[in-house]
Structures are given as structure tokens and as C-alpha cells.
Amino acid sequence: MAQVAVLIRIYPEEQEKVDELIAKIKAELKPIQIGTEELAFGAKAIKALFYTDEKDGSSPLEEKLQSIPNVSSIDVVAMDRLS
């Protein structure tokens, strides 16, 4: 089964706890890459890249991210099949 790369933007509920949220995502979901993206007025979003099985898609990953405390919402930015 093929792998897919899923790029997800994660919006925190509390901006002052972005670093804690990044650490929690790293520990629980082991992203390939993770960092922050500047939004308007000093707000930040987290962008994380994950690899997952194509048959699973992004739904299980999205559900796991939504269950983490301090995650307000998420957006799947891109999904590409890896060869």
C-alpha cells in the first residue's frame, strides 16, 4: 500500500501555549516536520507534515489531532501520494 504525505495546519486555542502544543504533537503523533506559521496580529498556527497509509487517508490523523487539548481547529492543506 502506498504512503501519502499530509500537511496540516493546526490552530491553537491559546496562543501562549503554542510551544507546549508542538511538544505534545511531537510526542503523540511523531510528525515528519513541524513548525509555526505567522498569521495576523501576532497569532500563530502550527504546520505539521505526516506520512500515513493511503488506505487510511487523513481522517484518523485529523481525529487524533482534534482530541489533543488546546487544538481549536485544523485544516488539511495538502495531501500527496508518495511514490
Protein backbone atom coordinates (compact mmCIF):
# COMPACT_ATOMS: atom_id res chain seq x y z
CA MET A 1 0.00 0.00 0.00
CA ALA A 2 1.25 3.47 -0.87
CA GLN A 3 2.02 6.22 1.62
CA VAL A 4 0.64 9.74 1.49
CA ALA A 5 2.14 12.95 2.84
CA VAL A 6 -0.42 15.06 4.69
CA LEU A 7 0.29 18.70 5.50
CA ILE A 8 -1.98 20.00 8.25
CA ARG A 9 -2.41 23.49 9.71
CA ILE A 10 -3.34 23.37 13.39
CA TYR A 11 -4.89 26.36 15.14
CA PRO A 12 -4.32 26.52 18.92
CA GLU A 13 -6.96 27.77 21.34
CA GLU A 14 -4.33 29.54 23.45
CA GLN A 15 -1.52 31.33 21.59
CA GLU A 16 0.73 31.46 24.64
CA LYS A 17 0.81 27.65 24.75
CA VAL A 18 1.93 27.01 21.14
CA ASP A 19 5.28 25.52 22.21
CA GLU A 20 3.56 23.13 24.63
CA LEU A 21 1.16 22.06 21.89
CA ILE A 22 4.04 21.42 19.47
CA ALA A 23 5.77 19.25 22.09
CA LYS A 24 2.56 17.27 22.68
CA ILE A 25 2.02 16.71 18.93
CA LYS A 26 5.64 15.59 18.53
CA ALA A 27 5.33 13.13 21.42
CA GLU A 28 1.97 11.65 20.41
CA LEU A 29 1.96 11.70 16.61
CA LYS A 30 5.63 11.93 15.56
CA PRO A 31 5.32 14.32 12.58
CA ILE A 32 7.98 14.31 9.85
CA GLN A 33 8.26 18.12 10.15
CA ILE A 34 6.59 20.65 12.42
CA GLY A 35 6.84 24.40 12.83
CA THR A 36 4.85 27.59 13.16
CA GLU A 37 3.33 29.93 10.63
CA GLU A 38 2.67 33.60 11.37
CA LEU A 39 -0.93 34.68 10.94
CA ALA A 40 -2.36 38.15 11.50
CA PHE A 41 -1.80 40.28 14.61
CA GLY A 42 0.90 38.05 16.11
CA ALA A 43 -1.20 34.90 16.08
CA LYS A 44 0.47 31.65 15.05
CA ALA A 45 -0.68 28.39 13.56
CA ILE A 46 1.24 25.13 13.60
CA LYS A 47 2.04 23.39 10.32
CA ALA A 48 2.89 19.71 10.54
CA LEU A 49 3.75 17.11 7.91
CA PHE A 50 2.78 13.48 8.49
CA TYR A 51 3.11 10.28 6.47
CA THR A 52 0.21 7.85 6.62
CA ASP A 53 -1.12 4.86 4.70
CA GLU A 54 -3.13 5.76 1.62
CA LYS A 55 -5.97 3.43 2.61
CA ASP A 56 -6.42 5.29 5.92
CA GLY A 57 -6.41 8.77 4.42
CA SER A 58 -6.21 11.75 6.75
CA SER A 59 -9.34 11.10 8.85
CA PRO A 60 -7.71 9.10 11.69
CA LEU A 61 -4.92 11.68 11.89
CA GLU A 62 -7.43 14.55 11.98
CA GLU A 63 -9.39 12.84 14.77
CA LYS A 64 -6.24 12.31 16.85
CA LEU A 65 -5.22 15.96 16.43
CA GLN A 66 -8.71 17.21 17.37
CA SER A 67 -8.58 15.15 20.58
CA ILE A 68 -5.43 16.93 21.82
CA PRO A 69 -6.16 19.66 24.39
CA ASN A 70 -5.64 23.25 23.14
CA VAL A 71 -6.37 22.37 19.49
CA SER A 72 -9.08 24.74 18.28
CA SER A 73 -9.35 23.54 14.68
CA ILE A 74 -7.33 22.01 11.86
CA ASP A 75 -7.14 22.32 8.09
CA VAL A 76 -5.68 19.77 5.70
CA VAL A 77 -3.53 22.00 3.49
CA ALA A 78 -2.24 19.33 1.09
CA MET A 79 -2.19 15.60 0.57
CA ASP A 80 0.20 13.97 -1.91
CA ARG A 81 0.84 10.35 -2.74
CA LEU A 82 4.43 9.26 -2.25
CA SER A 83 5.93 7.05 -4.93
